[in-house]
Structures are given as structure tokens and as C-alpha cells.
């Protein structure tokens, strides 16, 4: 399942620089995650980088509108890289 950024975002930009898929970009007024590029860092690491660097709990959550299996996330990562 892709991640999404909520209105809790403080626009610090920490997540953008750490995303290995370039799925995060600056939006107005908060950062945005492109679900077509978000693999939850499957293929890259054991946990999403954005969650590790975000200083605000609850600013990045699962995107229930874009649910994908582990196999789908792995295939997406392979396509992106």
C-alpha cells in the first residue's frame, strides 16, 4: 500500500530527499507522495524511509486508496529501477 502525507505535515522536506523512488514532491501547502512511484521502499529497505525521517507522528500514513501486494510493490520497484 502506498503512503500518503496528511495535513499534519510541517513542510520540512526531510522525506523528499530520502525517497529512493523520487515519489515525494513539494505541494501546496504540504508535500505529496505519488502513489505510482511509492513502493514503501520495498526492494530498497525493510521500512519506508519517509517514516524514518519524518519528525511528525501521523504525518505519513497508509493510502487506503492504493492497496498493493508485496509482489506488486516489488514489481513496481523493479520497473522504476
PDB file of N, CA and C in Angstrom:
ATOM      1  N   UNK A   1       0.842  -1.167   0.000  1.00  0.00           N
ATOM      2  CA  UNK A   1       0.000   0.000   0.000  1.00  0.00           C
ATOM      3  C   UNK A   1       0.892   1.237   0.000  1.00  0.00           C
ATOM      4  N   UNK A   2       0.611   2.149  -0.877  1.00  0.00           N
ATOM      5  CA  UNK A   2       1.375   3.392  -0.940  1.00  0.00           C
ATOM      6  C   UNK A   2       1.147   4.201   0.335  1.00  0.00           C
ATOM      7  N   UNK A   3       2.003   5.159   0.542  1.00  0.00           N
ATOM      8  CA  UNK A   3       1.872   6.072   1.663  1.00  0.00           C
ATOM      9  C   UNK A   3       1.275   7.380   1.169  1.00  0.00           C
ATOM     10  N   UNK A   4       0.715   8.162   2.092  1.00  0.00           N
ATOM     11  CA  UNK A   4       0.231   9.491   1.759  1.00  0.00           C
ATOM     12  C   UNK A   4       0.577  10.431   2.907  1.00  0.00           C
ATOM     13  N   UNK A   5       0.691  11.707   2.581  1.00  0.00           N
ATOM     14  CA  UNK A   5       1.040  12.708   3.576  1.00  0.00           C
ATOM     15  C   UNK A   5      -0.229  13.444   3.967  1.00  0.00           C
ATOM     16  N   UNK A   6      -0.415  13.620   5.274  1.00  0.00           N
ATOM     17  CA  UNK A   6      -1.618  14.251   5.805  1.00  0.00           C
ATOM     18  C   UNK A   6      -1.375  15.735   6.091  1.00  0.00           C
ATOM     19  N   UNK A   7      -2.411  16.393   6.516  1.00  0.00           N
ATOM     20  CA  UNK A   7      -2.318  17.813   6.851  1.00  0.00           C
ATOM     21  C   UNK A   7      -1.451  18.069   8.085  1.00  0.00           C
ATOM     22  N   UNK A   8      -1.014  17.001   8.743  1.00  0.00           N
ATOM     23  CA  UNK A   8      -0.098  17.137   9.878  1.00  0.00           C
ATOM     24  C   UNK A   8       1.308  17.531   9.413  1.00  0.00           C
ATOM     25  N   UNK A   9       1.567  17.412   8.124  1.00  0.00           N
ATOM     26  CA  UNK A   9       2.870  17.735   7.544  1.00  0.00           C
ATOM     27  C   UNK A   9       3.260  19.176   7.884  1.00  0.00           C
ATOM     28  N   UNK A  10       4.525  19.368   8.284  1.00  0.00           N
ATOM     29  CA  UNK A  10       5.023  20.711   8.614  1.00  0.00           C
ATOM     30  C   UNK A  10       5.898  21.275   7.496  1.00  0.00           C
ATOM     31  N   UNK A  11       5.924  20.628   6.340  1.00  0.00           N
ATOM     32  CA  UNK A  11       6.687  21.089   5.172  1.00  0.00           C
ATOM     33  C   UNK A  11       8.179  21.208   5.434  1.00  0.00           C
ATOM     34  N   UNK A  12       8.739  20.277   6.182  1.00  0.00           N
ATOM     35  CA  UNK A  12      10.176  20.346   6.474  1.00  0.00           C
ATOM     36  C   UNK A  12      11.023  19.828   5.310  1.00  0.00           C
ATOM     37  N   UNK A  13      10.451  18.952   4.479  1.00  0.00           N
ATOM     38  CA  UNK A  13      11.163  18.434   3.318  1.00  0.00           C
ATOM     39  C   UNK A  13      12.066  17.246   3.596  1.00  0.00           C
ATOM     40  N   UNK A  14      12.121  16.780   4.828  1.00  0.00           N
ATOM     41  CA  UNK A  14      13.006  15.659   5.167  1.00  0.00           C
ATOM     42  C   UNK A  14      12.689  14.411   4.342  1.00  0.00           C
ATOM     43  N   UNK A  15      11.434  14.167   4.099  1.00  0.00           N
ATOM     44  CA  UNK A  15      11.024  12.953   3.389  1.00  0.00           C
ATOM     45  C   UNK A  15      11.409  12.999   1.906  1.00  0.00           C
ATOM     46  N   UNK A  16      11.321  14.156   1.299  1.00  0.00           N
ATOM     47  CA  UNK A  16      11.587  14.277  -0.137  1.00  0.00           C
ATOM     48  C   UNK A  16      13.001  13.817  -0.481  1.00  0.00           C
ATOM     49  N   UNK A  17      13.968  14.282   0.261  1.00  0.00           N
ATOM     50  CA  UNK A  17      15.368  13.960  -0.017  1.00  0.00           C
ATOM     51  C   UNK A  17      15.687  12.487   0.220  1.00  0.00           C
ATOM     52  N   UNK A  18      14.925  11.834   1.083  1.00  0.00           N
ATOM     53  CA  UNK A  18      15.224  10.444   1.445  1.00  0.00           C
ATOM     54  C   UNK A  18      14.489   9.398   0.613  1.00  0.00           C
ATOM     55  N   UNK A  19      13.579   9.799  -0.254  1.00  0.00           N
ATOM     56  CA  UNK A  19      12.794   8.835  -1.025  1.00  0.00           C
ATOM     57  C   UNK A  19      13.624   8.268  -2.175  1.00  0.00           C
ATOM     58  N   UNK A  20      13.882   6.957  -2.181  1.00  0.00           N
ATOM     59  CA  UNK A  20      14.701   6.361  -3.233  1.00  0.00           C
ATOM     60  C   UNK A  20      14.016   6.303  -4.600  1.00  0.00           C
ATOM     61  N   UNK A  21      12.697   6.508  -4.623  1.00  0.00           N
ATOM     62  CA  UNK A  21      11.938   6.434  -5.874  1.00  0.00           C
ATOM     63  C   UNK A  21      11.538   7.803  -6.405  1.00  0.00           C
ATOM     64  N   UNK A  22      11.972   8.861  -5.748  1.00  0.00           N
ATOM     65  CA  UNK A  22      11.574  10.221  -6.128  1.00  0.00           C
ATOM     66  C   UNK A  22      10.060  10.355  -6.208  1.00  0.00           C
ATOM     67  N   UNK A  23       9.378   9.723  -5.260  1.00  0.00           N
ATOM     68  CA  UNK A  23       7.914   9.733  -5.249  1.00  0.00           C
ATOM     69  C   UNK A  23       7.348  10.919  -4.475  1.00  0.00           C
ATOM     70  N   UNK A  24       8.189  11.649  -3.763  1.00  0.00           N
ATOM     71  CA  UNK A  24       7.716  12.744  -2.922  1.00  0.00           C
ATOM     72  C   UNK A  24       8.116  14.076  -3.539  1.00  0.00           C
ATOM     73  N   UNK A  25       7.142  14.979  -3.585  1.00  0.00           N
ATOM     74  CA  UNK A  25       7.415  16.306  -4.135  1.00  0.00           C
ATOM     75  C   UNK A  25       6.711  17.367  -3.298  1.00  0.00           C
ATOM     76  N   UNK A  26       7.196  18.585  -3.422  1.00  0.00           N
ATOM     77  CA  UNK A  26       6.607  19.687  -2.682  1.00  0.00           C
ATOM     78  C   UNK A  26       5.269  20.057  -3.304  1.00  0.00           C
ATOM     79  N   UNK A  27       4.259  20.106  -2.471  1.00  0.00           N
ATOM     80  CA  UNK A  27       2.940  20.508  -2.929  1.00  0.00           C
ATOM     81  C   UNK A  27       2.544  21.804  -2.248  1.00  0.00           C
ATOM     82  N   UNK A  28       1.306  22.167  -2.407  1.00  0.00           N
ATOM     83  CA  UNK A  28       0.810  23.375  -1.770  1.00  0.00           C
ATOM     84  C   UNK A  28      -0.465  23.029  -1.041  1.00  0.00           C
ATOM     85  N   UNK A  29      -0.494  22.993   0.248  1.00  0.00           N
ATOM     86  CA  UNK A  29       0.500  23.503   1.180  1.00  0.00           C
ATOM     87  C   UNK A  29       1.410  22.434   1.777  1.00  0.00           C
ATOM     88  N   UNK A  30       1.183  21.157   1.461  1.00  0.00           N
ATOM     89  CA  UNK A  30       2.002  20.089   2.057  1.00  0.00           C
ATOM     90  C   UNK A  30       2.663  19.262   0.961  1.00  0.00           C
ATOM     91  N   UNK A  31       3.640  18.451   1.359  1.00  0.00           N
ATOM     92  CA  UNK A  31       4.298  17.552   0.416  1.00  0.00           C
ATOM     93  C   UNK A  31       3.316  16.476  -0.035  1.00  0.00           C
ATOM     94  N   UNK A  32       3.590  15.910  -1.209  1.00  0.00           N
ATOM     95  CA  UNK A  32       2.724  14.900  -1.806  1.00  0.00           C
ATOM     96  C   UNK A  32       3.527  13.659  -2.137  1.00  0.00           C
ATOM     97  N   UNK A  33       2.884  12.493  -2.070  1.00  0.00           N
ATOM     98  CA  UNK A  33       3.509  11.236  -2.470  1.00  0.00           C
ATOM     99  C   UNK A  33       2.781  10.716  -3.708  1.00  0.00           C
ATOM    100  N   UNK A  34       3.518  10.482  -4.767  1.00  0.00           N
ATOM    101  CA  UNK A  34       2.962   9.919  -5.999  1.00  0.00           C
ATOM    102  C   UNK A  34       2.825   8.412  -5.794  1.00  0.00           C
ATOM    103  N   UNK A  35       1.592   7.948  -5.675  1.00  0.00           N
ATOM    104  CA  UNK A  35       1.360   6.522  -5.390  1.00  0.00           C
ATOM    105  C   UNK A  35       1.908   5.628  -6.494  1.00  0.00           C
ATOM    106  N   UNK A  36       2.022   6.138  -7.703  1.00  0.00           N
ATOM    107  CA  UNK A  36       2.542   5.317  -8.799  1.00  0.00           C
ATOM    108  C   UNK A  36       4.041   5.070  -8.669  1.00  0.00           C
ATOM    109  N   UNK A  37       4.714   5.838  -7.824  1.00  0.00           N
ATOM    110  CA  UNK A  37       6.148   5.654  -7.591  1.00  0.00           C
ATOM    111  C   UNK A  37       6.453   5.109  -6.201  1.00  0.00           C
ATOM    112  N   UNK A  38       5.496   5.184  -5.281  1.00  0.00           N
ATOM    113  CA  UNK A  38       5.735   4.746  -3.903  1.00  0.00           C
ATOM    114  C   UNK A  38       5.668   3.223  -3.804  1.00  0.00           C
ATOM    115  N   UNK A  39       6.765   2.647  -3.323  1.00  0.00           N
ATOM    116  CA  UNK A  39       6.816   1.204  -3.103  1.00  0.00           C
ATOM    117  C   UNK A  39       6.968   0.879  -1.622  1.00  0.00           C
ATOM    118  N   UNK A  40       6.781   1.889  -0.758  1.00  0.00           N
ATOM    119  CA  UNK A  40       7.032   1.743   0.672  1.00  0.00           C
ATOM    120  C   UNK A  40       8.474   1.292   0.902  1.00  0.00           C
ATOM    121  N   UNK A  41       9.330   1.591  -0.037  1.00  0.00           N
ATOM    122  CA  UNK A  41      10.751   1.244  -0.027  1.00  0.00           C
ATOM    123  C   UNK A  41      11.001  -0.257  -0.132  1.00  0.00           C
ATOM    124  N   UNK A  42       9.968  -1.026  -0.524  1.00  0.00           N
ATOM    125  CA  UNK A  42      10.157  -2.445  -0.804  1.00  0.00           C
ATOM    126  C   UNK A  42      11.169  -2.540  -1.944  1.00  0.00           C
ATOM    127  N   UNK A  43      12.157  -3.387  -1.774  1.00  0.00           N
ATOM    128  CA  UNK A  43      13.225  -3.521  -2.747  1.00  0.00           C
ATOM    129  C   UNK A  43      14.434  -2.694  -2.377  1.00  0.00           C
ATOM    130  N   UNK A  44      14.237  -1.720  -1.493  1.00  0.00           N
ATOM    131  CA  UNK A  44      15.299  -0.808  -1.078  1.00  0.00           C
ATOM    132  C   UNK A  44      15.706  -1.038   0.377  1.00  0.00           C
ATOM    133  N   UNK A  45      14.713  -1.184   1.254  1.00  0.00           N
ATOM    134  CA  UNK A  45      14.990  -1.370   2.676  1.00  0.00           C
ATOM    135  C   UNK A  45      13.822  -2.075   3.361  1.00  0.00           C
ATOM    136  N   UNK A  46      13.964  -2.297   4.656  1.00  0.00           N
ATOM    137  CA  UNK A  46      12.940  -3.019   5.407  1.00  0.00           C
ATOM    138  C   UNK A  46      11.755  -2.156   5.833  1.00  0.00           C
ATOM    139  N   UNK A  47      11.918  -0.847   5.767  1.00  0.00           N
ATOM    140  CA  UNK A  47      10.824   0.044   6.146  1.00  0.00           C
ATOM    141  C   UNK A  47      10.880   1.313   5.307  1.00  0.00           C
ATOM    142  N   UNK A  48       9.755   2.000   5.184  1.00  0.00           N
ATOM    143  CA  UNK A  48       9.732   3.228   4.380  1.00  0.00           C
ATOM    144  C   UNK A  48      10.669   4.307   4.940  1.00  0.00           C
ATOM    145  N   UNK A  49      11.524   4.844   4.095  1.00  0.00           N
ATOM    146  CA  UNK A  49      12.461   5.889   4.506  1.00  0.00           C
ATOM    147  C   UNK A  49      11.722   7.109   5.025  1.00  0.00           C
ATOM    148  N   UNK A  50      10.610   7.457   4.376  1.00  0.00           N
ATOM    149  CA  UNK A  50       9.889   8.671   4.764  1.00  0.00           C
ATOM    150  C   UNK A  50       9.426   8.607   6.220  1.00  0.00           C
ATOM    151  N   UNK A  51       8.980   7.431   6.652  1.00  0.00           N
ATOM    152  CA  UNK A  51       8.538   7.287   8.034  1.00  0.00           C
ATOM    153  C   UNK A  51       9.704   7.411   9.009  1.00  0.00           C
ATOM    154  N   UNK A  52      10.873   6.951   8.585  1.00  0.00           N
ATOM    155  CA  UNK A  52      12.048   7.011   9.454  1.00  0.00           C
ATOM    156  C   UNK A  52      12.532   8.437   9.683  1.00  0.00           C
ATOM    157  N   UNK A  53      12.383   9.307   8.683  1.00  0.00           N
ATOM    158  CA  UNK A  53      12.923  10.663   8.806  1.00  0.00           C
ATOM    159  C   UNK A  53      11.877  11.719   9.170  1.00  0.00           C
ATOM    160  N   UNK A  54      10.612  11.410   9.042  1.00  0.00           N
ATOM    161  CA  UNK A  54       9.566  12.394   9.335  1.00  0.00           C
ATOM    162  C   UNK A  54       9.542  12.706  10.835  1.00  0.00           C
ATOM    163  N   UNK A  55       9.636  13.996  11.190  1.00  0.00           N
ATOM    164  CA  UNK A  55       9.631  14.359  12.605  1.00  0.00           C
ATOM    165  C   UNK A  55       8.238  14.438  13.227  1.00  0.00           C
ATOM    166  N   UNK A  56       7.187  14.254  12.417  1.00  0.00           N
ATOM    167  CA  UNK A  56       5.819  14.422  12.913  1.00  0.00           C
ATOM    168  C   UNK A  56       5.072  13.099  12.845  1.00  0.00           C
ATOM    169  N   UNK A  57       4.714  12.577  14.002  1.00  0.00           N
ATOM    170  CA  UNK A  57       3.942  11.333  14.041  1.00  0.00           C
ATOM    171  C   UNK A  57       2.568  11.579  13.429  1.00  0.00           C
ATOM    172  N   UNK A  58       2.166  10.704  12.527  1.00  0.00           N
ATOM    173  CA  UNK A  58       0.863  10.804  11.893  1.00  0.00           C
ATOM    174  C   UNK A  58       0.835  11.640  10.624  1.00  0.00           C
ATOM    175  N   UNK A  59       1.980  12.185  10.221  1.00  0.00           N
ATOM    176  CA  UNK A  59       2.016  12.988   9.003  1.00  0.00           C
ATOM    177  C   UNK A  59       2.055  12.120   7.746  1.00  0.00           C
ATOM    178  N   UNK A  60       2.544  10.891   7.885  1.00  0.00           N
ATOM    179  CA  UNK A  60       2.601   9.954   6.753  1.00  0.00           C
ATOM    180  C   UNK A  60       1.869   8.686   7.172  1.00  0.00           C
ATOM    181  N   UNK A  61       0.852   8.345   6.389  1.00  0.00           N
ATOM    182  CA  UNK A  61       0.008   7.198   6.725  1.00  0.00           C
ATOM    183  C   UNK A  61      -0.202   6.330   5.485  1.00  0.00           C
ATOM    184  N   UNK A  62      -0.708   5.102   5.676  1.00  0.00           N
ATOM    185  CA  UNK A  62      -1.037   4.274   4.517  1.00  0.00           C
ATOM    186  C   UNK A  62      -2.136   4.925   3.684  1.00  0.00           C
ATOM    187  N   UNK A  63      -2.030   4.799   2.379  1.00  0.00           N
ATOM    188  CA  UNK A  63      -3.025   5.332   1.452  1.00  0.00           C
ATOM    189  C   UNK A  63      -3.993   4.214   1.107  1.00  0.00           C
ATOM    190  N   UNK A  64      -5.117   4.192   1.788  1.00  0.00           N
ATOM    191  CA  UNK A  64      -6.101   3.115   1.621  1.00  0.00           C
ATOM    192  C   UNK A  64      -6.672   3.071   0.207  1.00  0.00           C
ATOM    193  N   UNK A  65      -6.503   4.111  -0.550  1.00  0.00           N
ATOM    194  CA  UNK A  65      -6.994   4.148  -1.921  1.00  0.00           C
ATOM    195  C   UNK A  65      -6.079   3.461  -2.911  1.00  0.00           C
ATOM    196  N   UNK A  66      -4.897   3.075  -2.451  1.00  0.00           N
ATOM    197  CA  UNK A  66      -3.916   2.438  -3.335  1.00  0.00           C
ATOM    198  C   UNK A  66      -3.257   1.259  -2.625  1.00  0.00           C
ATOM    199  N   UNK A  67      -4.013   0.193  -2.488  1.00  0.00           N
ATOM    200  CA  UNK A  67      -3.543  -1.014  -1.822  1.00  0.00           C
ATOM    201  C   UNK A  67      -2.853  -1.916  -2.840  1.00  0.00           C
ATOM    202  N   UNK A  68      -1.643  -2.382  -2.503  1.00  0.00           N
ATOM    203  CA  UNK A  68      -0.889  -3.271  -3.387  1.00  0.00           C
ATOM    204  C   UNK A  68      -0.274  -4.399  -2.571  1.00  0.00           C
ATOM    205  N   UNK A  69      -0.121  -5.538  -3.205  1.00  0.00           N
ATOM    206  CA  UNK A  69       0.509  -6.673  -2.542  1.00  0.00           C
ATOM    207  C   UNK A  69       2.023  -6.479  -2.533  1.00  0.00           C
ATOM    208  N   UNK A  70       2.699  -7.274  -1.748  1.00  0.00           N
ATOM    209  CA  UNK A  70       4.154  -7.240  -1.698  1.00  0.00           C
ATOM    210  C   UNK A  70       4.739  -7.518  -3.077  1.00  0.00           C
ATOM    211  N   UNK A  71       4.158  -8.449  -3.797  1.00  0.00           N
ATOM    212  CA  UNK A  71       4.633  -8.778  -5.138  1.00  0.00           C
ATOM    213  C   UNK A  71       4.460  -7.595  -6.090  1.00  0.00           C
ATOM    214  N   UNK A  72       3.330  -6.904  -5.976  1.00  0.00           N
ATOM    215  CA  UNK A  72       3.105  -5.728  -6.816  1.00  0.00           C
ATOM    216  C   UNK A  72       4.098  -4.610  -6.497  1.00  0.00           C
ATOM    217  N   UNK A  73       4.394  -4.424  -5.217  1.00  0.00           N
ATOM    218  CA  UNK A  73       5.367  -3.408  -4.823  1.00  0.00           C
ATOM    219  C   UNK A  73       6.763  -3.758  -5.336  1.00  0.00           C
ATOM    220  N   UNK A  74       7.124  -5.029  -5.263  1.00  0.00           N
ATOM    221  CA  UNK A  74       8.430  -5.463  -5.783  1.00  0.00           C
ATOM    222  C   UNK A  74       8.517  -5.237  -7.285  1.00  0.00           C
ATOM    223  N   UNK A  75       7.450  -5.541  -8.004  1.00  0.00           N
ATOM    224  CA  UNK A  75       7.429  -5.347  -9.460  1.00  0.00           C
ATOM    225  C   UNK A  75       7.503  -3.860  -9.802  1.00  0.00           C
ATOM    226  N   UNK A  76       6.811  -3.035  -9.052  1.00  0.00           N
ATOM    227  CA  UNK A  76       6.859  -1.590  -9.284  1.00  0.00           C
ATOM    228  C   UNK A  76       8.277  -1.070  -9.059  1.00  0.00           C
ATOM    229  N   UNK A  77       8.925  -1.534  -7.972  1.00  0.00           N
ATOM    230  CA  UNK A  77      10.308  -1.121  -7.703  1.00  0.00           C
ATOM    231  C   UNK A  77      11.215  -1.528  -8.858  1.00  0.00           C
ATOM    232  N   UNK A  78      11.048  -2.732  -9.370  1.00  0.00           N
ATOM    233  CA  UNK A  78      11.869  -3.207 -10.486  1.00  0.00           C
ATOM    234  C   UNK A  78      11.651  -2.338 -11.731  1.00  0.00           C
ATOM    235  N   UNK A  79      10.423  -1.950 -11.998  1.00  0.00           N
ATOM    236  CA  UNK A  79      10.129  -1.071 -13.143  1.00  0.00           C
ATOM    237  C   UNK A  79      10.779   0.297 -12.978  1.00  0.00           C
ATOM    238  N   UNK A  80      10.774   0.816 -11.762  1.00  0.00           N
ATOM    239  CA  UNK A  80      11.324   2.144 -11.506  1.00  0.00           C
ATOM    240  C   UNK A  80      12.847   2.183 -11.536  1.00  0.00           C
ATOM    241  N   UNK A  81      13.468   1.019 -11.297  1.00  0.00           N
ATOM    242  CA  UNK A  81      14.925   0.992 -11.235  1.00  0.00           C
ATOM    243  C   UNK A  81      15.453   0.092 -12.312  1.00  0.00           C
TER     244      UNK A  81
END
